[in-house]
C-alpha atoms as a PDB file:
ATOM      1  CA  MET A   1     -57.674  80.182  80.544  1.00  0.00           C
ATOM      2  CA  LYS A   2     -54.984  79.067  78.118  1.00  0.00           C
ATOM      3  CA  ILE A   3     -52.596  76.394  79.427  1.00  0.00           C
ATOM      4  CA  LEU A   4     -49.450  75.193  77.699  1.00  0.00           C
ATOM      5  CA  ALA A   5     -48.439  71.846  79.197  1.00  0.00           C
ATOM      6  CA  LEU A   6     -45.324  69.762  78.561  1.00  0.00           C
ATOM      7  CA  GLU A   7     -44.750  66.064  79.213  1.00  0.00           C
ATOM      8  CA  SER A   8     -41.221  64.609  79.156  1.00  0.00           C
ATOM      9  CA  SER A   9     -41.057  62.297  82.175  1.00  0.00           C
ATOM     10  CA  ALA A  10     -40.512  59.090  80.173  1.00  0.00           C
ATOM     11  CA  LYS A  11     -39.474  57.985  76.658  1.00  0.00           C
ATOM     12  CA  SER A  12     -42.302  59.789  74.891  1.00  0.00           C
ATOM     13  CA  ALA A  13     -42.697  63.551  74.772  1.00  0.00           C
ATOM     14  CA  GLY A  14     -45.696  65.781  74.332  1.00  0.00           C
ATOM     15  CA  ALA A  15     -47.003  69.329  74.380  1.00  0.00           C
ATOM     16  CA  VAL A  16     -50.540  70.693  74.361  1.00  0.00           C
ATOM     17  CA  LEU A  17     -52.383  73.987  74.339  1.00  0.00           C
ATOM     18  CA  THR A  18     -55.791  74.016  75.993  1.00  0.00           C
ATOM     19  CA  ASP A  19     -58.291  76.841  76.418  1.00  0.00           C
ATOM     20  CA  ASP A  20     -60.775  76.457  79.281  1.00  0.00           C
ATOM     21  CA  GLY A  21     -60.344  72.692  79.072  1.00  0.00           C
ATOM     22  CA  LYS A  22     -60.671  72.433  75.292  1.00  0.00           C
ATOM     23  CA  VAL A  23     -57.652  70.920  73.523  1.00  0.00           C
ATOM     24  CA  LEU A  24     -56.660  73.350  70.770  1.00  0.00           C
ATOM     25  CA  CYS A  25     -53.525  71.541  69.627  1.00  0.00           C
ATOM     26  CA  GLU A  26     -51.608  68.538  70.983  1.00  0.00           C
ATOM     27  CA  VAL A  27     -48.327  67.042  69.755  1.00  0.00           C
ATOM     28  CA  TYR A  28     -47.024  63.604  70.763  1.00  0.00           C
ATOM     29  CA  SER A  29     -43.741  61.932  69.856  1.00  0.00           C
ATOM     30  CA  ASN A  30     -42.199  58.578  70.734  1.00  0.00           C
ATOM     31  CA  LEU A  31     -39.367  58.457  68.207  1.00  0.00           C
ATOM     32  CA  GLY A  32     -36.470  57.883  70.578  1.00  0.00           C
ATOM     33  CA  LEU A  33     -35.177  61.433  70.153  1.00  0.00           C
ATOM     34  CA  THR A  34     -34.010  63.287  73.235  1.00  0.00           C
ATOM     35  CA  HIS A  35     -36.516  65.660  74.770  1.00  0.00           C
ATOM     36  CA  SER A  36     -34.067  68.515  74.269  1.00  0.00           C
ATOM     37  CA  GLN A  37     -34.604  67.943  70.517  1.00  0.00           C
ATOM     38  CA  THR A  38     -38.379  67.696  70.600  1.00  0.00           C
ATOM     39  CA  LEU A  39     -40.031  69.814  73.300  1.00  0.00           C
ATOM     40  CA  LEU A  40     -39.278  73.353  72.137  1.00  0.00           C
ATOM     41  CA  PRO A  41     -39.986  72.557  68.456  1.00  0.00           C
ATOM     42  CA  MET A  42     -43.344  71.147  69.641  1.00  0.00           C
ATOM     43  CA  CYS A  43     -44.073  74.414  71.441  1.00  0.00           C
ATOM     44  CA  GLU A  44     -43.084  76.412  68.359  1.00  0.00           C
ATOM     45  CA  TYR A  45     -45.395  74.289  66.203  1.00  0.00           C
ATOM     46  CA  ILE A  46     -48.296  74.838  68.625  1.00  0.00           C
ATOM     47  CA  PHE A  47     -47.687  78.597  68.778  1.00  0.00           C
ATOM     48  CA  ASN A  48     -47.574  78.860  64.969  1.00  0.00           C
ATOM     49  CA  THR A  49     -50.569  76.599  64.422  1.00  0.00           C
ATOM     50  CA  CYS A  50     -52.760  78.341  66.993  1.00  0.00           C
ATOM     51  CA  GLY A  51     -51.527  81.856  66.247  1.00  0.00           C
ATOM     52  CA  VAL A  52     -50.437  82.582  69.812  1.00  0.00           C
ATOM     53  CA  THR A  53     -47.245  83.593  71.598  1.00  0.00           C
ATOM     54  CA  ALA A  54     -45.912  82.789  75.045  1.00  0.00           C
ATOM     55  CA  SER A  55     -47.395  86.057  76.333  1.00  0.00           C
ATOM     56  CA  ASP A  56     -50.887  84.763  75.438  1.00  0.00           C
ATOM     57  CA  ILE A  57     -50.500  81.751  77.739  1.00  0.00           C
ATOM     58  CA  ASP A  58     -52.091  82.103  81.179  1.00  0.00           C
ATOM     59  CA  LEU A  59     -50.379  79.109  82.809  1.00  0.00           C
ATOM     60  CA  PHE A  60     -47.376  76.950  81.939  1.00  0.00           C
ATOM     61  CA  ALA A  61     -47.555  73.390  83.237  1.00  0.00           C
ATOM     62  CA  VAL A  62     -45.229  70.409  83.279  1.00  0.00           C
ATOM     63  CA  SER A  63     -45.121  66.837  84.447  1.00  0.00           C
ATOM     64  CA  ALA A  64     -42.654  67.354  87.295  1.00  0.00           C
ATOM     65  CA  GLY A  65     -42.066  63.713  88.230  1.00  0.00           C
ATOM     66  CA  PRO A  66     -41.491  61.053  89.152  1.00  0.00           C
ATOM     67  CA  GLY A  67     -39.859  59.599  86.056  1.00  0.00           C
ATOM     68  CA  SER A  68     -36.691  59.903  84.024  1.00  0.00           C
ATOM     69  CA  PHE A  69     -34.229  62.211  85.771  1.00  0.00           C
ATOM     70  CA  THR A  70     -33.016  63.721  82.494  1.00  0.00           C
ATOM     71  CA  GLY A  71     -36.491  63.991  80.984  1.00  0.00           C
ATOM     72  CA  ILE A  72     -37.945  65.692  84.038  1.00  0.00           C
ATOM     73  CA  ARG A  73     -35.078  68.181  84.200  1.00  0.00           C
ATOM     74  CA  ILE A  74     -35.538  69.105  80.550  1.00  0.00           C
ATOM     75  CA  GLY A  75     -39.293  69.589  80.917  1.00  0.00           C
ATOM     76  CA  VAL A  76     -39.043  71.625  84.102  1.00  0.00           C
ATOM     77  CA  ALA A  77     -36.241  73.779  82.671  1.00  0.00           C
ATOM     78  CA  ALA A  78     -38.242  74.445  79.490  1.00  0.00           C
ATOM     79  CA  VAL A  79     -41.328  75.541  81.425  1.00  0.00           C
ATOM     80  CA  LYS A  80     -39.257  77.689  83.777  1.00  0.00           C
ATOM     81  CA  GLY A  81     -37.654  79.455  80.827  1.00  0.00           C
ATOM     82  CA  LEU A  82     -40.922  80.024  78.953  1.00  0.00           C
ATOM     83  CA  ALA A  83     -42.759  81.235  82.057  1.00  0.00           C
ATOM     84  CA  LEU A  84     -39.952  83.544  83.176  1.00  0.00           C
ATOM     85  CA  ALA A  85     -39.685  85.137  79.745  1.00  0.00           C
ATOM     86  CA  ALA A  86     -43.450  85.712  79.612  1.00  0.00           C
ATOM     87  CA  ASP A  87     -43.746  86.671  83.311  1.00  0.00           C
ATOM     88  CA  LYS A  88     -46.369  83.967  83.923  1.00  0.00           C
ATOM     89  CA  LEU A  89     -47.106  81.390  86.618  1.00  0.00           C
ATOM     90  CA  CYS A  90     -46.446  77.642  86.513  1.00  0.00           C
ATOM     91  CA  ALA A  91     -47.912  74.385  87.788  1.00  0.00           C
ATOM     92  CA  GLY A  92     -45.938  71.227  88.485  1.00  0.00           C
ATOM     93  CA  VAL A  93     -48.061  68.094  88.073  1.00  0.00           C
ATOM     94  CA  SER A  94     -47.477  64.583  89.390  1.00  0.00           C
ATOM     95  CA  THR A  95     -46.716  62.263  86.473  1.00  0.00           C
ATOM     96  CA  LEU A  96     -48.641  59.495  88.220  1.00  0.00           C
ATOM     97  CA  GLU A  97     -51.710  61.649  88.797  1.00  0.00           C
ATOM     98  CA  ALA A  98     -51.705  62.662  85.138  1.00  0.00           C
ATOM     99  CA  LEU A  99     -51.484  58.982  84.145  1.00  0.00           C
ATOM    100  CA  ALA A 100     -54.466  58.189  86.366  1.00  0.00           C
ATOM    101  CA  ASN A 101     -56.405  60.924  84.621  1.00  0.00           C
ATOM    102  CA  ASN A 102     -55.961  59.034  81.329  1.00  0.00           C
ATOM    103  CA  VAL A 103     -58.291  56.291  82.587  1.00  0.00           C
ATOM    104  CA  LYS A 104     -60.619  58.282  84.851  1.00  0.00           C
ATOM    105  CA  ASN A 105     -63.652  56.674  83.171  1.00  0.00           C
ATOM    106  CA  PHE A 106     -62.675  53.324  84.704  1.00  0.00           C
ATOM    107  CA  ARG A 107     -64.676  52.390  87.793  1.00  0.00           C
ATOM    108  CA  GLY A 108     -62.411  50.979  90.457  1.00  0.00           C
ATOM    109  CA  ILE A 109     -58.790  51.301  91.527  1.00  0.00           C
ATOM    110  CA  ILE A 110     -56.301  52.989  89.210  1.00  0.00           C
ATOM    111  CA  CYS A 111     -52.741  51.787  89.752  1.00  0.00           C
ATOM    112  CA  ALA A 112     -50.305  54.156  88.028  1.00  0.00           C
ATOM    113  CA  VAL A 113     -46.900  52.523  87.607  1.00  0.00           C
ATOM    114  CA  MET A 114     -43.660  53.627  85.980  1.00  0.00           C
ATOM    115  CA  ASP A 115     -40.661  51.334  85.667  1.00  0.00           C
ATOM    116  CA  ALA A 116     -38.021  52.554  88.140  1.00  0.00           C
ATOM    117  CA  ARG A 117     -35.621  49.647  87.449  1.00  0.00           C
ATOM    118  CA  CYS A 118     -34.071  47.463  90.161  1.00  0.00           C
ATOM    119  CA  ALA A 119     -37.401  45.577  90.585  1.00  0.00           C
ATOM    120  CA  GLN A 120     -39.093  48.817  91.674  1.00  0.00           C
ATOM    121  CA  VAL A 121     -41.784  51.048  90.241  1.00  0.00           C
ATOM    122  CA  TYR A 122     -42.866  54.613  90.831  1.00  0.00           C
ATOM    123  CA  ASN A 123     -46.443  54.200  91.941  1.00  0.00           C
ATOM    124  CA  ALA A 124     -49.561  55.819  93.317  1.00  0.00           C
ATOM    125  CA  LEU A 125     -53.045  54.396  93.801  1.00  0.00           C
ATOM    126  CA  PHE A 126     -56.253  56.230  92.969  1.00  0.00           C
ATOM    127  CA  GLU A 127     -59.955  55.383  92.994  1.00  0.00           C
ATOM    128  CA  SER A 128     -62.387  56.462  90.305  1.00  0.00           C
ATOM    129  CA  ASP A 129     -66.179  56.430  90.250  1.00  0.00           C
ATOM    130  CA  GLY A 130     -66.173  56.722  86.477  1.00  0.00           C
ATOM    131  CA  SER A 131     -65.538  60.453  86.341  1.00  0.00           C
ATOM    132  CA  ASN A 132     -63.955  61.683  89.575  1.00  0.00           C
ATOM    133  CA  VAL A 133     -60.534  60.439  90.687  1.00  0.00           C
ATOM    134  CA  THR A 134     -59.525  60.338  94.358  1.00  0.00           C
ATOM    135  CA  ARG A 135     -55.916  59.844  95.435  1.00  0.00           C
ATOM    136  CA  LEU A 136     -55.387  56.930  97.857  1.00  0.00           C
ATOM    137  CA  THR A 137     -51.598  57.027  98.309  1.00  0.00           C
ATOM    138  CA  GLU A 138     -48.785  59.478  97.881  1.00  0.00           C
ATOM    139  CA  ASP A 139     -46.346  59.113  95.003  1.00  0.00           C
ATOM    140  CA  ARG A 140     -43.731  56.555  96.032  1.00  0.00           C
ATOM    141  CA  ALA A 141     -40.981  54.222  94.883  1.00  0.00           C
ATOM    142  CA  ILE A 142     -42.039  50.688  95.840  1.00  0.00           C
ATOM    143  CA  SER A 143     -40.862  47.179  95.016  1.00  0.00           C
ATOM    144  CA  ILE A 144     -43.025  45.237  92.587  1.00  0.00           C
ATOM    145  CA  ALA A 145     -43.341  42.468  95.198  1.00  0.00           C
ATOM    146  CA  ASP A 146     -44.627  44.878  97.869  1.00  0.00           C
ATOM    147  CA  LEU A 147     -47.085  46.441  95.442  1.00  0.00           C
ATOM    148  CA  LYS A 148     -48.389  42.995  94.484  1.00  0.00           C
ATOM    149  CA  ASN A 149     -49.004  42.137  98.139  1.00  0.00           C
ATOM    150  CA  GLU A 150     -50.797  45.450  98.650  1.00  0.00           C
ATOM    151  CA  LEU A 151     -53.076  44.944  95.641  1.00  0.00           C
ATOM    152  CA  LYS A 152     -53.955  41.405  96.757  1.00  0.00           C
ATOM    153  CA  LYS A 153     -55.828  42.957  99.685  1.00  0.00           C
ATOM    154  CA  ILE A 154     -58.002  45.103  97.404  1.00  0.00           C
ATOM    155  CA  LYS A 155     -61.303  43.515  96.390  1.00  0.00           C
ATOM    156  CA  LYS A 156     -62.213  46.018  93.664  1.00  0.00           C
ATOM    157  CA  ASN A 157     -61.269  45.885  89.990  1.00  0.00           C
ATOM    158  CA  ILE A 158     -57.865  47.378  89.247  1.00  0.00           C
ATOM    159  CA  ILE A 159     -56.496  48.969  86.089  1.00  0.00           C
ATOM    160  CA  LEU A 160     -52.765  49.384  85.434  1.00  0.00           C
ATOM    161  CA  VAL A 161     -51.569  52.450  83.545  1.00  0.00           C
ATOM    162  CA  GLY A 162     -48.058  53.701  82.760  1.00  0.00           C
ATOM    163  CA  ASP A 163     -44.871  52.330  81.221  1.00  0.00           C
ATOM    164  CA  GLY A 164     -44.590  49.830  84.076  1.00  0.00           C
ATOM    165  CA  ALA A 165     -48.093  48.461  83.536  1.00  0.00           C
ATOM    166  CA  VAL A 166     -47.209  45.485  81.326  1.00  0.00           C
ATOM    167  CA  LEU A 167     -44.296  44.573  83.586  1.00  0.00           C
ATOM    168  CA  CYS A 168     -46.572  44.536  86.637  1.00  0.00           C
ATOM    169  CA  TYR A 169     -49.431  42.801  84.822  1.00  0.00           C
ATOM    170  CA  ASN A 170     -47.167  39.901  83.847  1.00  0.00           C
ATOM    171  CA  GLU A 171     -45.818  39.710  87.389  1.00  0.00           C
ATOM    172  CA  PHE A 172     -49.142  39.974  89.233  1.00  0.00           C
ATOM    173  CA  ARG A 173     -51.316  37.597  87.153  1.00  0.00           C
ATOM    174  CA  MET A 174     -54.409  38.607  89.135  1.00  0.00           C
ATOM    175  CA  LYS A 175     -57.937  38.136  87.761  1.00  0.00           C
ATOM    176  CA  ARG A 176     -59.190  41.539  88.903  1.00  0.00           C
ATOM    177  CA  VAL A 177     -56.301  43.395  87.226  1.00  0.00           C
ATOM    178  CA  VAL A 178     -56.563  44.731  83.656  1.00  0.00           C
ATOM    179  CA  LEU A 179     -54.319  46.813  81.421  1.00  0.00           C
ATOM    180  CA  ALA A 180     -55.192  50.274  80.189  1.00  0.00           C
ATOM    181  CA  PRO A 181     -55.772  50.443  76.409  1.00  0.00           C
ATOM    182  CA  GLU A 182     -52.578  51.104  74.448  1.00  0.00           C
ATOM    183  CA  HIS A 183     -53.595  54.650  73.448  1.00  0.00           C
ATOM    184  CA  LEU A 184     -54.188  55.549  77.121  1.00  0.00           C
ATOM    185  CA  MET A 185     -51.261  53.634  78.596  1.00  0.00           C
ATOM    186  CA  TYR A 186     -48.615  56.324  78.430  1.00  0.00           C
ATOM    187  CA  GLN A 187     -48.148  59.950  79.414  1.00  0.00           C
ATOM    188  CA  HIS A 188     -50.090  62.623  77.533  1.00  0.00           C
ATOM    189  CA  ALA A 189     -49.659  66.367  77.880  1.00  0.00           C
ATOM    190  CA  SER A 190     -53.436  66.879  77.749  1.00  0.00           C
ATOM    191  CA  SER A 191     -53.797  65.055  81.072  1.00  0.00           C
ATOM    192  CA  VAL A 192     -51.051  67.259  82.531  1.00  0.00           C
ATOM    193  CA  ALA A 193     -53.014  70.329  81.430  1.00  0.00           C
ATOM    194  CA  GLU A 194     -56.246  69.021  82.949  1.00  0.00           C
ATOM    195  CA  ILE A 195     -54.615  68.359  86.321  1.00  0.00           C
ATOM    196  CA  ALA A 196     -52.790  71.704  86.174  1.00  0.00           C
ATOM    197  CA  SER A 197     -56.087  73.570  85.746  1.00  0.00           C
ATOM    198  CA  LYS A 198     -56.992  72.460  89.285  1.00  0.00           C
ATOM    199  CA  SER A 199     -53.492  72.753  90.788  1.00  0.00           C
ATOM    200  CA  GLU A 200     -51.699  75.431  92.769  1.00  0.00           C
ATOM    201  CA  ARG A 201     -50.135  78.203  90.694  1.00  0.00           C
ATOM    202  CA  ILE A 202     -46.528  78.945  91.580  1.00  0.00           C
ATOM    203  CA  SER A 203     -43.725  81.150  90.319  1.00  0.00           C
ATOM    204  CA  PRO A 204     -41.173  79.749  87.864  1.00  0.00           C
ATOM    205  CA  GLN A 205     -38.541  80.070  90.582  1.00  0.00           C
ATOM    206  CA  ALA A 206     -40.577  77.825  92.896  1.00  0.00           C
ATOM    207  CA  LEU A 207     -41.104  75.082  90.299  1.00  0.00           C
ATOM    208  CA  GLU A 208     -39.105  71.980  91.231  1.00  0.00           C
ATOM    209  CA  ALA A 209     -38.673  68.430  89.940  1.00  0.00           C
ATOM    210  CA  LYS A 210     -40.011  65.581  92.101  1.00  0.00           C
ATOM    211  CA  TYR A 211     -37.616  62.661  91.715  1.00  0.00           C
ATOM    212  CA  LEU A 212     -38.558  60.403  94.696  1.00  0.00           C
ATOM    213  CA  ARG A 213     -35.134  58.728  94.438  1.00  0.00           C
ATOM    214  CA  LEU A 214     -31.566  59.952  94.144  1.00  0.00           C
ATOM    215  CA  PRO A 215     -30.068  59.783  90.635  1.00  0.00           C
ATOM    216  CA  GLN A 216     -28.282  56.510  89.836  1.00  0.00           C
ATOM    217  CA  ALA A 217     -24.859  58.135  89.844  1.00  0.00           C
ATOM    218  CA  GLU A 218     -25.495  59.506  93.336  1.00  0.00           C
ATOM    219  CA  ARG A 219     -26.797  56.139  94.577  1.00  0.00           C
ATOM    220  CA  GLU A 220     -23.694  54.434  93.229  1.00  0.00           C
ATOM    221  CA  ARG A 221     -21.459  57.040  94.831  1.00  0.00           C
ATOM    222  CA  LEU A 222     -23.097  56.559  98.205  1.00  0.00           C
ATOM    223  CA  SER A 223     -22.984  52.794  97.844  1.00  0.00           C
ATOM    224  CA  GLY A 224     -19.293  52.940  97.030  1.00  0.00           C
ATOM    225  CA  GLY A 225     -18.693  55.142 100.014  1.00  0.00           C
ATOM    226  CA  LYS A 226     -20.256  52.576 102.307  1.00  0.00           C
ATOM    227  CA  LYS A 227     -17.968  49.906 100.966  1.00  0.00           C
END
């Protein structure tokens, strides 16, 4: 099964084509360009390099959130458009679950964290036996202080992964907590594809972004209304 997966939930962007789990071609960029400038050219490069078209893809996948509101919208919209044009199914993958997959060889607790600003992170906890990852919590927006208190109660080794990992590591200062290696720290489309291969297939029309929080403009509007 050929899967084209896109990742645009944070500052970096990526696209990958896999075939029955084998990575055929993966592109990664962290140049500060907007995802609207990078994602579709990445797909075009993969199609040309691998000699395939959108109609050859069996499943289109995307990191559907949480993460950057703009980035998620761009990724979801791109996958919707590609899948609709090719009359194919989609899979929306949790950004945090894909991050956990980066470090699935770690034995212990995987703490996936993305900086959500305002002293909060997008977070989910997982446990890995060195190959299989089990979800322990749902995706959530949680204060760094509350997450620290929660992790204090865990006696197992903990690894932090995601763009909020360094922030949390410096705040926690716990002996059992380590950082993921730099090359595994951030989002990769190949992990999105791997999770998508085991996820529910849905129509492009049913694919939705998972924000967890209202956009900042909406939060400010509501806050102003209360005043």
